[in-house]
């Protein structure tokens, strides 16, 4: 699956995000934005380019609009 020219894939996350709690009552999904500092995640050292964050926000908006139009 590719969106905005960026590769994407489905993956299962074992992390205890809010989505894990919501999944007990409704379908959930998460958008992961790449980290630019050695792939570090869940750390004060995690950092992403503003452009990558913008793409993540655009994707979430498009999904929300798509769900509203279904």
N, C-alpha and C. Protein backbone atom coordinates (compact mmCIF):
# COMPACT_ATOMS: atom_id res chain seq x y z
N UNK A 1 0.85 -1.16 0.00
CA UNK A 1 0.00 0.00 0.00
C UNK A 1 0.90 1.23 0.00
N UNK A 2 0.56 2.21 -0.83
CA UNK A 2 1.37 3.43 -0.91
C UNK A 2 0.45 4.63 -0.86
N UNK A 3 0.81 5.60 -0.04
CA UNK A 3 0.03 6.82 0.09
C UNK A 3 0.99 8.00 -0.01
N UNK A 4 0.63 8.99 -0.82
CA UNK A 4 1.48 10.17 -1.00
C UNK A 4 2.88 9.81 -1.46
N UNK A 5 3.01 8.74 -2.21
CA UNK A 5 4.31 8.33 -2.70
C UNK A 5 5.20 7.70 -1.65
N UNK A 6 4.65 7.44 -0.48
CA UNK A 6 5.42 6.83 0.61
C UNK A 6 4.98 5.38 0.79
N UNK A 7 5.92 4.48 1.02
CA UNK A 7 5.53 3.09 1.24
C UNK A 7 4.79 2.95 2.57
N UNK A 8 3.86 2.05 2.60
CA UNK A 8 3.14 1.77 3.83
C UNK A 8 2.87 0.30 3.95
N UNK A 9 2.58 -0.14 5.13
CA UNK A 9 2.24 -1.55 5.34
C UNK A 9 1.45 -1.68 6.62
N UNK A 10 0.70 -2.75 6.69
CA UNK A 10 -0.02 -3.07 7.92
C UNK A 10 0.94 -3.78 8.85
N UNK A 11 0.89 -3.43 10.10
CA UNK A 11 1.71 -4.13 11.08
C UNK A 11 0.98 -4.14 12.42
N UNK A 12 1.28 -5.13 13.19
CA UNK A 12 0.69 -5.25 14.51
C UNK A 12 1.64 -4.63 15.52
N UNK A 13 1.09 -3.85 16.42
CA UNK A 13 1.90 -3.21 17.45
C UNK A 13 1.51 -3.78 18.80
N UNK A 14 2.48 -4.19 19.56
CA UNK A 14 2.22 -4.69 20.90
C UNK A 14 2.30 -3.57 21.94
N UNK A 15 2.54 -2.36 21.46
CA UNK A 15 2.67 -1.23 22.38
C UNK A 15 1.32 -0.90 23.01
N UNK A 16 1.33 -0.38 24.20
CA UNK A 16 0.10 -0.06 24.93
C UNK A 16 -0.40 1.34 24.65
N UNK A 17 -0.62 1.66 23.39
CA UNK A 17 -1.12 2.98 23.01
C UNK A 17 -2.61 3.09 23.35
N UNK A 18 -3.14 4.30 23.24
CA UNK A 18 -4.57 4.50 23.46
C UNK A 18 -5.40 3.61 22.55
N UNK A 19 -4.89 3.34 21.36
CA UNK A 19 -5.64 2.50 20.42
C UNK A 19 -5.90 1.12 21.00
N UNK A 20 -4.99 0.64 21.81
CA UNK A 20 -5.17 -0.68 22.42
C UNK A 20 -6.39 -0.67 23.34
N UNK A 21 -6.59 0.41 24.05
CA UNK A 21 -7.75 0.51 24.94
C UNK A 21 -9.04 0.69 24.15
N UNK A 22 -8.99 1.50 23.12
CA UNK A 22 -10.18 1.75 22.30
C UNK A 22 -10.58 0.52 21.51
N UNK A 23 -9.63 -0.35 21.19
CA UNK A 23 -9.91 -1.53 20.37
C UNK A 23 -10.92 -2.46 21.03
N UNK A 24 -11.11 -2.33 22.32
CA UNK A 24 -12.10 -3.18 22.99
C UNK A 24 -13.52 -2.75 22.67
N UNK A 25 -13.70 -1.51 22.14
CA UNK A 25 -15.06 -1.03 21.85
C UNK A 25 -15.27 -0.61 20.40
N UNK A 26 -14.18 -0.45 19.63
CA UNK A 26 -14.34 -0.04 18.22
C UNK A 26 -13.05 -0.34 17.45
N UNK A 27 -13.14 -0.41 16.12
CA UNK A 27 -11.93 -0.61 15.32
C UNK A 27 -10.96 0.55 15.51
N UNK A 28 -9.70 0.27 15.52
CA UNK A 28 -8.69 1.32 15.71
C UNK A 28 -7.55 1.16 14.71
N UNK A 29 -6.78 2.20 14.59
CA UNK A 29 -5.58 2.18 13.76
C UNK A 29 -4.63 3.24 14.28
N UNK A 30 -3.37 3.13 13.92
CA UNK A 30 -2.38 4.13 14.29
C UNK A 30 -1.58 4.49 13.05
N UNK A 31 -1.12 5.72 13.01
CA UNK A 31 -0.23 6.17 11.95
C UNK A 31 1.13 6.39 12.59
N UNK A 32 2.12 5.68 12.08
CA UNK A 32 3.48 5.83 12.59
C UNK A 32 4.25 6.77 11.67
N UNK A 33 4.93 7.73 12.23
CA UNK A 33 5.76 8.66 11.49
C UNK A 33 7.21 8.31 11.79
N UNK A 34 8.02 8.25 10.75
CA UNK A 34 9.41 7.83 10.96
C UNK A 34 10.17 8.81 11.85
N UNK A 35 11.05 8.24 12.62
CA UNK A 35 11.93 9.01 13.49
C UNK A 35 13.25 9.22 12.76
N UNK A 36 13.78 10.41 12.82
CA UNK A 36 14.99 10.74 12.10
C UNK A 36 16.27 10.53 12.90
N UNK A 37 16.15 10.20 14.15
CA UNK A 37 17.33 9.99 14.97
C UNK A 37 17.51 8.52 15.29
N UNK A 38 18.12 7.81 14.37
CA UNK A 38 18.47 6.41 14.55
C UNK A 38 17.27 5.51 14.82
N UNK A 39 16.08 5.91 14.37
CA UNK A 39 14.89 5.09 14.56
C UNK A 39 14.46 4.99 16.01
N UNK A 40 14.93 5.90 16.86
CA UNK A 40 14.60 5.88 18.28
C UNK A 40 13.11 6.20 18.46
N UNK A 41 12.44 5.43 19.31
CA UNK A 41 11.02 5.62 19.56
C UNK A 41 10.75 5.56 21.06
N UNK A 42 9.73 6.29 21.48
CA UNK A 42 9.32 6.32 22.88
C UNK A 42 10.48 6.76 23.78
N UNK A 43 11.10 7.83 23.40
CA UNK A 43 12.27 8.33 24.12
C UNK A 43 12.34 9.84 23.91
N UNK A 44 12.91 10.55 24.87
CA UNK A 44 13.10 11.99 24.66
C UNK A 44 13.99 12.29 23.45
N UNK A 45 14.76 11.30 23.00
CA UNK A 45 15.63 11.49 21.85
C UNK A 45 14.90 11.30 20.52
N UNK A 46 13.64 10.87 20.56
CA UNK A 46 12.88 10.69 19.33
C UNK A 46 12.64 12.04 18.68
N UNK A 47 12.77 12.10 17.36
CA UNK A 47 12.58 13.35 16.63
C UNK A 47 12.19 13.04 15.20
N UNK A 48 11.19 13.75 14.69
CA UNK A 48 10.73 13.56 13.31
C UNK A 48 10.72 14.89 12.60
N UNK A 49 10.98 14.85 11.30
CA UNK A 49 10.93 16.07 10.50
C UNK A 49 9.51 16.62 10.48
N UNK A 50 9.36 17.93 10.51
CA UNK A 50 8.02 18.52 10.41
C UNK A 50 7.27 18.04 9.16
N UNK A 51 7.99 17.85 8.06
CA UNK A 51 7.35 17.38 6.84
C UNK A 51 6.74 15.98 7.02
N UNK A 52 7.43 15.12 7.77
CA UNK A 52 6.90 13.78 8.03
C UNK A 52 5.68 13.85 8.93
N UNK A 53 5.71 14.73 9.91
CA UNK A 53 4.55 14.90 10.79
C UNK A 53 3.35 15.43 10.00
N UNK A 54 3.62 16.34 9.07
CA UNK A 54 2.55 16.89 8.22
C UNK A 54 1.92 15.79 7.38
N UNK A 55 2.74 14.92 6.79
CA UNK A 55 2.19 13.80 6.00
C UNK A 55 1.34 12.88 6.87
N UNK A 56 1.78 12.62 8.09
CA UNK A 56 1.00 11.79 9.00
C UNK A 56 -0.34 12.42 9.33
N UNK A 57 -0.34 13.74 9.56
CA UNK A 57 -1.58 14.45 9.86
C UNK A 57 -2.51 14.47 8.65
N UNK A 58 -1.94 14.65 7.46
CA UNK A 58 -2.75 14.63 6.24
C UNK A 58 -3.40 13.26 6.05
N UNK A 59 -2.64 12.21 6.30
CA UNK A 59 -3.19 10.86 6.16
C UNK A 59 -4.35 10.65 7.13
N UNK A 60 -4.17 11.06 8.38
CA UNK A 60 -5.25 10.90 9.36
C UNK A 60 -6.48 11.67 8.94
N UNK A 61 -6.31 12.90 8.40
CA UNK A 61 -7.44 13.70 7.95
C UNK A 61 -8.16 13.02 6.79
N UNK A 62 -7.39 12.48 5.84
CA UNK A 62 -7.99 11.79 4.70
C UNK A 62 -8.77 10.56 5.13
N UNK A 63 -8.24 9.82 6.08
CA UNK A 63 -8.95 8.64 6.58
C UNK A 63 -10.24 9.07 7.27
N UNK A 64 -10.17 10.10 8.10
CA UNK A 64 -11.38 10.58 8.79
C UNK A 64 -12.44 11.03 7.80
N UNK A 65 -12.02 11.77 6.78
CA UNK A 65 -12.98 12.23 5.75
C UNK A 65 -13.56 11.03 5.01
N UNK A 66 -12.71 10.06 4.69
CA UNK A 66 -13.19 8.85 4.02
C UNK A 66 -14.21 8.10 4.85
N UNK A 67 -13.97 8.01 6.15
CA UNK A 67 -14.93 7.31 7.02
C UNK A 67 -16.25 8.08 7.11
N UNK A 68 -16.19 9.39 7.10
CA UNK A 68 -17.41 10.18 7.14
C UNK A 68 -18.23 10.03 5.87
N UNK A 69 -17.54 9.79 4.77
CA UNK A 69 -18.23 9.68 3.47
C UNK A 69 -18.72 8.27 3.18
N UNK A 70 -18.39 7.32 4.02
CA UNK A 70 -18.85 5.92 3.81
C UNK A 70 -20.28 5.76 4.20
